[in-house]
Amino acid sequence: MTKLETDFTLALIQSIQEAEALTGVAESRLLRSAQEQGGAAAVRQMLSRGQMTRQFEPLKKLGRLDRSPEALVIQGKYAALFTDEEVNQCLAALLEAGMFSGRSGT
């Protein structure tokens, strides 16, 4: 695993744990996959199924989509780990949820 992949995995695990503390919703499958395969591979697998995390909607309701794994994917520093389509899938979900319009998220 490269340093970038390791950094993303650590950030993803932290994000999942913080989101669980905020929402009470566990994301055990993604967490386990991240620990076993690495965070980028785990997220790519989830996105290939057309899914968002179980924590996405609860975080949306709390206005904290910034703590979602999807928000990590769109960060420029992790761009090399994902395809444009994967980043766009997350960005579209975050935009639709109002993360950048002031309706939800920060």
N, C-alpha and C. Protein backbone atom coordinates (compact mmCIF):
# COMPACT_ATOMS: atom_id res chain seq x y z
N MET A 1 0.85 -1.18 0.00
CA MET A 1 0.00 0.00 0.00
C MET A 1 0.90 1.25 0.00
N THR A 2 0.57 2.21 -0.85
CA THR A 2 1.34 3.45 -0.90
C THR A 2 1.02 4.32 0.31
N LYS A 3 1.84 5.35 0.51
CA LYS A 3 1.58 6.28 1.62
C LYS A 3 0.22 6.95 1.44
N LEU A 4 -0.12 7.32 0.20
CA LEU A 4 -1.40 7.95 -0.06
C LEU A 4 -2.56 7.01 0.29
N GLU A 5 -2.43 5.75 -0.09
CA GLU A 5 -3.47 4.77 0.25
C GLU A 5 -3.58 4.57 1.76
N THR A 6 -2.44 4.52 2.43
CA THR A 6 -2.44 4.38 3.89
C THR A 6 -3.08 5.60 4.55
N ASP A 7 -2.73 6.78 4.06
CA ASP A 7 -3.32 8.01 4.61
C ASP A 7 -4.83 8.02 4.40
N PHE A 8 -5.29 7.61 3.21
CA PHE A 8 -6.72 7.58 2.95
C PHE A 8 -7.41 6.56 3.85
N THR A 9 -6.80 5.40 4.01
CA THR A 9 -7.39 4.36 4.86
C THR A 9 -7.55 4.86 6.29
N LEU A 10 -6.52 5.50 6.82
CA LEU A 10 -6.61 6.04 8.18
C LEU A 10 -7.68 7.12 8.28
N ALA A 11 -7.75 7.99 7.28
CA ALA A 11 -8.77 9.05 7.28
C ALA A 11 -10.17 8.46 7.16
N LEU A 12 -10.31 7.42 6.35
CA LEU A 12 -11.61 6.76 6.18
C LEU A 12 -12.06 6.11 7.48
N ILE A 13 -11.18 5.39 8.13
CA ILE A 13 -11.52 4.74 9.40
C ILE A 13 -11.93 5.79 10.43
N GLN A 14 -11.17 6.88 10.50
CA GLN A 14 -11.52 7.96 11.43
C GLN A 14 -12.88 8.56 11.09
N SER A 15 -13.13 8.77 9.81
CA SER A 15 -14.40 9.34 9.36
C SER A 15 -15.58 8.43 9.73
N ILE A 16 -15.42 7.15 9.48
CA ILE A 16 -16.47 6.18 9.80
C ILE A 16 -16.75 6.18 11.31
N GLN A 17 -15.70 6.19 12.11
CA GLN A 17 -15.86 6.18 13.56
C GLN A 17 -16.50 7.47 14.07
N GLU A 18 -16.09 8.62 13.52
CA GLU A 18 -16.68 9.89 13.93
C GLU A 18 -18.15 9.96 13.51
N ALA A 19 -18.45 9.47 12.32
CA ALA A 19 -19.84 9.47 11.85
C ALA A 19 -20.70 8.56 12.71
N GLU A 20 -20.15 7.44 13.14
CA GLU A 20 -20.90 6.55 14.03
C GLU A 20 -21.18 7.24 15.37
N ALA A 21 -20.18 7.96 15.89
CA ALA A 21 -20.37 8.68 17.15
C ALA A 21 -21.45 9.75 17.00
N LEU A 22 -21.49 10.40 15.86
CA LEU A 22 -22.49 11.45 15.61
C LEU A 22 -23.89 10.89 15.38
N THR A 23 -23.97 9.78 14.65
CA THR A 23 -25.28 9.29 14.19
C THR A 23 -25.78 8.05 14.91
N GLY A 24 -24.88 7.31 15.52
CA GLY A 24 -25.26 6.03 16.11
C GLY A 24 -25.39 4.92 15.08
N VAL A 25 -25.05 5.21 13.82
CA VAL A 25 -25.16 4.22 12.74
C VAL A 25 -23.79 3.63 12.48
N ALA A 26 -23.69 2.31 12.64
CA ALA A 26 -22.43 1.62 12.40
C ALA A 26 -22.27 1.35 10.91
N GLU A 27 -21.05 1.41 10.46
CA GLU A 27 -20.71 1.12 9.06
C GLU A 27 -19.69 -0.02 9.09
N SER A 28 -20.09 -1.14 9.71
CA SER A 28 -19.14 -2.21 9.99
C SER A 28 -18.60 -2.89 8.73
N ARG A 29 -19.41 -3.04 7.70
CA ARG A 29 -18.93 -3.71 6.48
C ARG A 29 -17.82 -2.89 5.81
N LEU A 30 -18.05 -1.59 5.64
CA LEU A 30 -17.04 -0.74 5.02
C LEU A 30 -15.80 -0.65 5.91
N LEU A 31 -15.99 -0.54 7.20
CA LEU A 31 -14.86 -0.48 8.13
C LEU A 31 -14.01 -1.74 8.03
N ARG A 32 -14.66 -2.88 8.04
CA ARG A 32 -13.95 -4.16 7.94
C ARG A 32 -13.20 -4.27 6.60
N SER A 33 -13.87 -3.88 5.51
CA SER A 33 -13.23 -3.92 4.19
C SER A 33 -12.02 -2.98 4.15
N ALA A 34 -12.16 -1.80 4.74
CA ALA A 34 -11.05 -0.85 4.75
C ALA A 34 -9.86 -1.41 5.51
N GLN A 35 -10.12 -2.07 6.62
CA GLN A 35 -9.05 -2.64 7.43
C GLN A 35 -8.38 -3.81 6.71
N GLU A 36 -9.16 -4.58 5.95
CA GLU A 36 -8.63 -5.76 5.27
C GLU A 36 -8.00 -5.44 3.92
N GLN A 37 -8.64 -4.59 3.12
CA GLN A 37 -8.21 -4.34 1.74
C GLN A 37 -7.59 -2.98 1.52
N GLY A 38 -7.79 -2.08 2.46
CA GLY A 38 -7.41 -0.68 2.27
C GLY A 38 -8.65 0.13 1.96
N GLY A 39 -8.62 1.39 2.38
CA GLY A 39 -9.79 2.25 2.26
C GLY A 39 -10.23 2.52 0.84
N ALA A 40 -9.27 2.79 -0.05
CA ALA A 40 -9.64 3.11 -1.43
C ALA A 40 -10.32 1.93 -2.11
N ALA A 41 -9.79 0.73 -1.92
CA ALA A 41 -10.39 -0.46 -2.51
C ALA A 41 -11.79 -0.70 -1.95
N ALA A 42 -11.96 -0.49 -0.66
CA ALA A 42 -13.26 -0.69 -0.02
C ALA A 42 -14.29 0.30 -0.56
N VAL A 43 -13.90 1.56 -0.70
CA VAL A 43 -14.82 2.58 -1.22
C VAL A 43 -15.13 2.31 -2.69
N ARG A 44 -14.11 1.96 -3.48
CA ARG A 44 -14.36 1.65 -4.90
C ARG A 44 -15.36 0.52 -5.04
N GLN A 45 -15.23 -0.49 -4.20
CA GLN A 45 -16.16 -1.63 -4.22
C GLN A 45 -17.58 -1.17 -3.92
N MET A 46 -17.75 -0.33 -2.93
CA MET A 46 -19.06 0.20 -2.56
C MET A 46 -19.65 1.01 -3.71
N LEU A 47 -18.83 1.88 -4.29
CA LEU A 47 -19.31 2.74 -5.37
C LEU A 47 -19.65 1.94 -6.62
N SER A 48 -18.94 0.84 -6.86
CA SER A 48 -19.23 0.01 -8.03
C SER A 48 -20.62 -0.62 -7.94
N ARG A 49 -21.14 -0.72 -6.72
CA ARG A 49 -22.50 -1.24 -6.52
C ARG A 49 -23.53 -0.11 -6.55
N GLY A 50 -23.06 1.12 -6.81
CA GLY A 50 -23.96 2.27 -6.87
C GLY A 50 -24.48 2.69 -5.51
N GLN A 51 -23.74 2.39 -4.47
CA GLN A 51 -24.18 2.67 -3.10
C GLN A 51 -23.45 3.86 -2.50
N MET A 52 -24.10 4.46 -1.53
CA MET A 52 -23.47 5.41 -0.64
C MET A 52 -23.42 4.71 0.73
N THR A 53 -22.69 5.27 1.66
CA THR A 53 -22.59 4.64 2.98
C THR A 53 -23.92 4.69 3.72
N ARG A 54 -24.09 3.79 4.66
CA ARG A 54 -25.29 3.78 5.51
C ARG A 54 -25.37 5.05 6.35
N GLN A 55 -24.25 5.68 6.57
CA GLN A 55 -24.20 6.88 7.41
C GLN A 55 -24.56 8.14 6.63
N PHE A 56 -24.66 8.06 5.31
CA PHE A 56 -24.87 9.24 4.48
C PHE A 56 -26.14 9.99 4.86
N GLU A 57 -27.27 9.32 4.88
CA GLU A 57 -28.54 10.00 5.20
C GLU A 57 -28.58 10.54 6.62
N PRO A 58 -28.15 9.75 7.62
CA PRO A 58 -28.13 10.32 8.97
C PRO A 58 -27.22 11.54 9.09
N LEU A 59 -26.07 11.51 8.42
CA LEU A 59 -25.19 12.68 8.44
C LEU A 59 -25.83 13.86 7.72
N LYS A 60 -26.55 13.59 6.67
CA LYS A 60 -27.27 14.64 5.95
C LYS A 60 -28.27 15.33 6.88
N LYS A 61 -29.02 14.53 7.63
CA LYS A 61 -30.02 15.08 8.55
C LYS A 61 -29.38 15.94 9.63
N LEU A 62 -28.16 15.60 10.01
CA LEU A 62 -27.44 16.36 11.03
C LEU A 62 -26.67 17.55 10.45
N GLY A 63 -26.65 17.67 9.12
CA GLY A 63 -25.87 18.73 8.50
C GLY A 63 -24.38 18.50 8.61
N ARG A 64 -23.96 17.24 8.63
CA ARG A 64 -22.54 16.90 8.83
C ARG A 64 -22.00 15.99 7.74
N LEU A 65 -22.41 16.22 6.52
CA LEU A 65 -21.89 15.41 5.41
C LEU A 65 -20.38 15.57 5.23
N ASP A 66 -19.82 16.62 5.82
CA ASP A 66 -18.38 16.79 5.78
C ASP A 66 -17.65 15.64 6.47
N ARG A 67 -18.33 14.90 7.32
CA ARG A 67 -17.74 13.75 8.03
C ARG A 67 -17.97 12.45 7.29
N SER A 68 -18.59 12.49 6.13
CA SER A 68 -18.90 11.27 5.39
C SER A 68 -17.69 10.77 4.59
N PRO A 69 -17.61 9.46 4.40
CA PRO A 69 -16.57 8.92 3.52
C PRO A 69 -16.66 9.51 2.11
N GLU A 70 -17.86 9.81 1.66
CA GLU A 70 -18.03 10.39 0.33
C GLU A 70 -17.31 11.74 0.22
N ALA A 71 -17.32 12.51 1.31
CA ALA A 71 -16.63 13.79 1.32
C ALA A 71 -15.11 13.61 1.24
N LEU A 72 -14.61 12.52 1.79
CA LEU A 72 -13.17 12.23 1.68
C LEU A 72 -12.77 11.97 0.23
N VAL A 73 -13.61 11.23 -0.48
CA VAL A 73 -13.29 10.85 -1.85
C VAL A 73 -13.10 12.07 -2.75
N ILE A 74 -13.86 13.13 -2.51
CA ILE A 74 -13.77 14.29 -3.40
C ILE A 74 -12.63 15.24 -3.04
N GLN A 75 -11.91 14.95 -1.97
CA GLN A 75 -10.77 15.80 -1.60
C GLN A 75 -9.65 15.61 -2.62
N GLY A 76 -9.14 16.71 -3.12
CA GLY A 76 -8.12 16.69 -4.16
C GLY A 76 -6.89 15.87 -3.81
N LYS A 77 -6.52 15.84 -2.54
CA LYS A 77 -5.30 15.11 -2.17
C LYS A 77 -5.43 13.60 -2.39
N TYR A 78 -6.67 13.10 -2.53
CA TYR A 78 -6.88 11.67 -2.76
C TYR A 78 -7.27 11.37 -4.20
N ALA A 79 -7.19 12.36 -5.08
CA ALA A 79 -7.65 12.21 -6.47
C ALA A 79 -6.99 11.04 -7.20
N ALA A 80 -5.74 10.79 -6.92
CA ALA A 80 -5.02 9.72 -7.63
C ALA A 80 -5.56 8.32 -7.30
N LEU A 81 -6.33 8.20 -6.24
CA LEU A 81 -6.84 6.90 -5.82
C LEU A 81 -8.15 6.50 -6.50
N PHE A 82 -8.82 7.48 -7.13
CA PHE A 82 -10.15 7.23 -7.67
C PHE A 82 -10.27 7.71 -9.11
N THR A 83 -11.18 7.09 -9.84
CA THR A 83 -11.44 7.54 -11.20
C THR A 83 -12.30 8.79 -11.14
N ASP A 84 -12.34 9.51 -12.26
CA ASP A 84 -13.21 10.68 -12.33
C ASP A 84 -14.66 10.29 -12.07
N GLU A 85 -15.06 9.13 -12.57
CA GLU A 85 -16.44 8.67 -12.38
C GLU A 85 -16.75 8.44 -10.90
N GLU A 86 -15.82 7.86 -10.17
CA GLU A 86 -16.03 7.61 -8.75
C GLU A 86 -16.12 8.93 -7.97
N VAL A 87 -15.23 9.85 -8.28
CA VAL A 87 -15.27 11.16 -7.62
C VAL A 87 -16.58 11.86 -7.97
N ASN A 88 -16.95 11.82 -9.25
CA ASN A 88 -18.19 12.48 -9.67
C ASN A 88 -19.42 11.86 -9.03
N GLN A 89 -19.41 10.55 -8.83
CA GLN A 89 -20.53 9.87 -8.16
C GLN A 89 -20.70 10.42 -6.74
N CYS A 90 -19.60 10.57 -6.02
CA CYS A 90 -19.66 11.10 -4.66
C CYS A 90 -20.04 12.58 -4.68
N LEU A 91 -19.45 13.33 -5.57
CA LEU A 91 -19.75 14.76 -5.67
C LEU A 91 -21.22 14.98 -5.99
N ALA A 92 -21.75 14.22 -6.93
CA ALA A 92 -23.16 14.36 -7.30
C ALA A 92 -24.07 14.07 -6.10
N ALA A 93 -23.76 13.04 -5.34
CA ALA A 93 -24.57 12.70 -4.16
C ALA A 93 -24.49 13.82 -3.13
N LEU A 94 -23.31 14.36 -2.91
CA LEU A 94 -23.14 15.44 -1.94
C LEU A 94 -23.85 16.71 -2.40
N LEU A 95 -23.76 17.03 -3.69
CA LEU A 95 -24.46 18.20 -4.23
C LEU A 95 -25.97 18.03 -4.11
N GLU A 96 -26.46 16.85 -4.47
CA GLU A 96 -27.90 16.58 -4.39
C GLU A 96 -28.40 16.68 -2.95
N ALA A 97 -27.55 16.29 -2.01
CA ALA A 97 -27.91 16.35 -0.60
C ALA A 97 -27.78 17.77 -0.03
N GLY A 98 -27.27 18.69 -0.83
CA GLY A 98 -27.19 20.07 -0.39
C GLY A 98 -25.95 20.44 0.39
N MET A 99 -24.92 19.64 0.33
CA MET A 99 -23.74 19.92 1.12
C MET A 99 -23.12 21.28 0.83
N PHE A 100 -23.14 21.71 -0.40
CA PHE A 100 -22.48 22.96 -0.75
C PHE A 100 -23.44 24.12 -0.94
N SER A 101 -24.73 23.89 -0.65
CA SER A 101 -25.71 24.96 -0.83
C SER A 101 -26.13 25.61 0.50
N GLY A 102 -25.58 25.08 1.59
CA GLY A 102 -25.95 25.62 2.89
C GLY A 102 -27.16 24.91 3.48
N ARG A 103 -27.79 24.00 2.72
CA ARG A 103 -28.94 23.26 3.25
C ARG A 103 -28.48 22.19 4.23
N SER A 104 -27.34 21.58 3.95
CA SER A 104 -26.85 20.49 4.78
C SER A 104 -25.35 20.41 4.62
N GLY A 105 -24.67 19.99 5.67
CA GLY A 105 -23.22 19.83 5.60
C GLY A 105 -22.52 21.16 5.75
N THR A 106 -21.19 21.09 5.70
CA THR A 106 -20.40 22.31 5.80
C THR A 106 -19.35 22.33 4.74
